[in-house]
């Protein structure tokens, strides 16, 4: 019984151990042209539709690519 409790505590503690992570980062950049191309593939009837021009906005002064990623 004591051994089972010990094993259950050890198994539970491993859930909070730090995970080894590789230093690879994913950076995705998209432009308005990329959005127009993707929209044409995903919905050939409507294609690209941005009535508020949000793809050309610059939220938080981080650039157009960051804004498109945020949207």
C-alpha atoms as a PDB file:
ATOM      1  CA  UNK A   1       0.000   0.000   0.000  1.00  0.00           C
ATOM      2  CA  UNK A   2       2.777   2.431   0.912  1.00  0.00           C
ATOM      3  CA  UNK A   3       4.597   1.519  -2.259  1.00  0.00           C
ATOM      4  CA  UNK A   4       1.514   2.265  -4.373  1.00  0.00           C
ATOM      5  CA  UNK A   5       1.138   5.677  -2.717  1.00  0.00           C
ATOM      6  CA  UNK A   6       4.816   6.431  -3.359  1.00  0.00           C
ATOM      7  CA  UNK A   7       4.507   5.529  -7.047  1.00  0.00           C
ATOM      8  CA  UNK A   8       1.372   7.619  -7.447  1.00  0.00           C
ATOM      9  CA  UNK A   9       3.141  10.631  -5.911  1.00  0.00           C
ATOM     10  CA  UNK A  10       6.121  10.211  -8.220  1.00  0.00           C
ATOM     11  CA  UNK A  11       3.908   9.885 -11.266  1.00  0.00           C
ATOM     12  CA  UNK A  12       1.958  13.006 -10.293  1.00  0.00           C
ATOM     13  CA  UNK A  13       5.129  15.017  -9.699  1.00  0.00           C
ATOM     14  CA  UNK A  14       6.360  14.370 -13.228  1.00  0.00           C
ATOM     15  CA  UNK A  15       3.405  16.358 -14.561  1.00  0.00           C
ATOM     16  CA  UNK A  16       4.950  19.512 -13.067  1.00  0.00           C
ATOM     17  CA  UNK A  17       8.527  18.874 -14.193  1.00  0.00           C
ATOM     18  CA  UNK A  18       9.862  21.230 -16.848  1.00  0.00           C
ATOM     19  CA  UNK A  19       9.742  19.888 -20.356  1.00  0.00           C
ATOM     20  CA  UNK A  20      12.775  19.858 -22.534  1.00  0.00           C
ATOM     21  CA  UNK A  21      12.222  22.161 -25.450  1.00  0.00           C
ATOM     22  CA  UNK A  22      14.134  22.708 -28.590  1.00  0.00           C
ATOM     23  CA  UNK A  23      15.012  26.262 -29.458  1.00  0.00           C
ATOM     24  CA  UNK A  24      13.179  26.194 -32.752  1.00  0.00           C
ATOM     25  CA  UNK A  25      10.726  29.031 -33.224  1.00  0.00           C
ATOM     26  CA  UNK A  26       8.055  29.288 -35.835  1.00  0.00           C
ATOM     27  CA  UNK A  27       7.710  32.616 -37.534  1.00  0.00           C
ATOM     28  CA  UNK A  28       4.800  33.002 -39.873  1.00  0.00           C
ATOM     29  CA  UNK A  29       4.551  36.109 -41.972  1.00  0.00           C
ATOM     30  CA  UNK A  30       1.693  36.893 -44.300  1.00  0.00           C
ATOM     31  CA  UNK A  31       1.000  39.770 -46.605  1.00  0.00           C
ATOM     32  CA  UNK A  32      -2.167  41.048 -48.203  1.00  0.00           C
ATOM     33  CA  UNK A  33      -1.232  39.197 -51.393  1.00  0.00           C
ATOM     34  CA  UNK A  34      -1.002  35.956 -49.396  1.00  0.00           C
ATOM     35  CA  UNK A  35      -4.463  36.591 -47.965  1.00  0.00           C
ATOM     36  CA  UNK A  36      -5.916  37.235 -51.413  1.00  0.00           C
ATOM     37  CA  UNK A  37      -4.380  34.030 -52.764  1.00  0.00           C
ATOM     38  CA  UNK A  38      -5.584  31.971 -49.817  1.00  0.00           C
ATOM     39  CA  UNK A  39      -9.086  33.461 -50.003  1.00  0.00           C
ATOM     40  CA  UNK A  40      -9.350  32.518 -53.658  1.00  0.00           C
ATOM     41  CA  UNK A  41      -8.457  28.915 -52.866  1.00  0.00           C
ATOM     42  CA  UNK A  42     -10.734  28.608 -49.840  1.00  0.00           C
ATOM     43  CA  UNK A  43     -13.819  30.327 -51.240  1.00  0.00           C
ATOM     44  CA  UNK A  44     -13.759  30.692 -55.025  1.00  0.00           C
ATOM     45  CA  UNK A  45     -17.159  32.398 -55.116  1.00  0.00           C
ATOM     46  CA  UNK A  46     -16.470  35.328 -52.778  1.00  0.00           C
ATOM     47  CA  UNK A  47     -12.654  35.324 -53.018  1.00  0.00           C
ATOM     48  CA  UNK A  48     -11.046  38.158 -51.055  1.00  0.00           C
ATOM     49  CA  UNK A  49     -13.416  40.368 -49.056  1.00  0.00           C
ATOM     50  CA  UNK A  50     -12.117  42.915 -46.558  1.00  0.00           C
ATOM     51  CA  UNK A  51     -14.611  45.803 -46.390  1.00  0.00           C
ATOM     52  CA  UNK A  52     -12.934  47.412 -43.335  1.00  0.00           C
ATOM     53  CA  UNK A  53      -9.406  47.216 -44.807  1.00  0.00           C
ATOM     54  CA  UNK A  54      -8.151  45.426 -41.719  1.00  0.00           C
ATOM     55  CA  UNK A  55      -5.397  43.733 -43.716  1.00  0.00           C
ATOM     56  CA  UNK A  56      -3.856  47.138 -44.384  1.00  0.00           C
ATOM     57  CA  UNK A  57      -4.106  48.314 -40.769  1.00  0.00           C
ATOM     58  CA  UNK A  58      -1.174  48.541 -38.377  1.00  0.00           C
ATOM     59  CA  UNK A  59      -2.355  47.488 -34.938  1.00  0.00           C
ATOM     60  CA  UNK A  60      -0.111  48.383 -32.005  1.00  0.00           C
ATOM     61  CA  UNK A  61       2.611  49.739 -34.345  1.00  0.00           C
ATOM     62  CA  UNK A  62       4.003  46.239 -34.899  1.00  0.00           C
ATOM     63  CA  UNK A  63       3.743  46.203 -38.674  1.00  0.00           C
ATOM     64  CA  UNK A  64       1.317  44.904 -41.239  1.00  0.00           C
ATOM     65  CA  UNK A  65       2.441  41.262 -40.951  1.00  0.00           C
ATOM     66  CA  UNK A  66       1.816  41.289 -37.190  1.00  0.00           C
ATOM     67  CA  UNK A  67      -1.638  42.746 -37.756  1.00  0.00           C
ATOM     68  CA  UNK A  68      -2.511  40.031 -40.269  1.00  0.00           C
ATOM     69  CA  UNK A  69      -1.254  37.410 -37.812  1.00  0.00           C
ATOM     70  CA  UNK A  70      -3.407  38.943 -35.088  1.00  0.00           C
ATOM     71  CA  UNK A  71      -6.488  38.830 -37.275  1.00  0.00           C
END
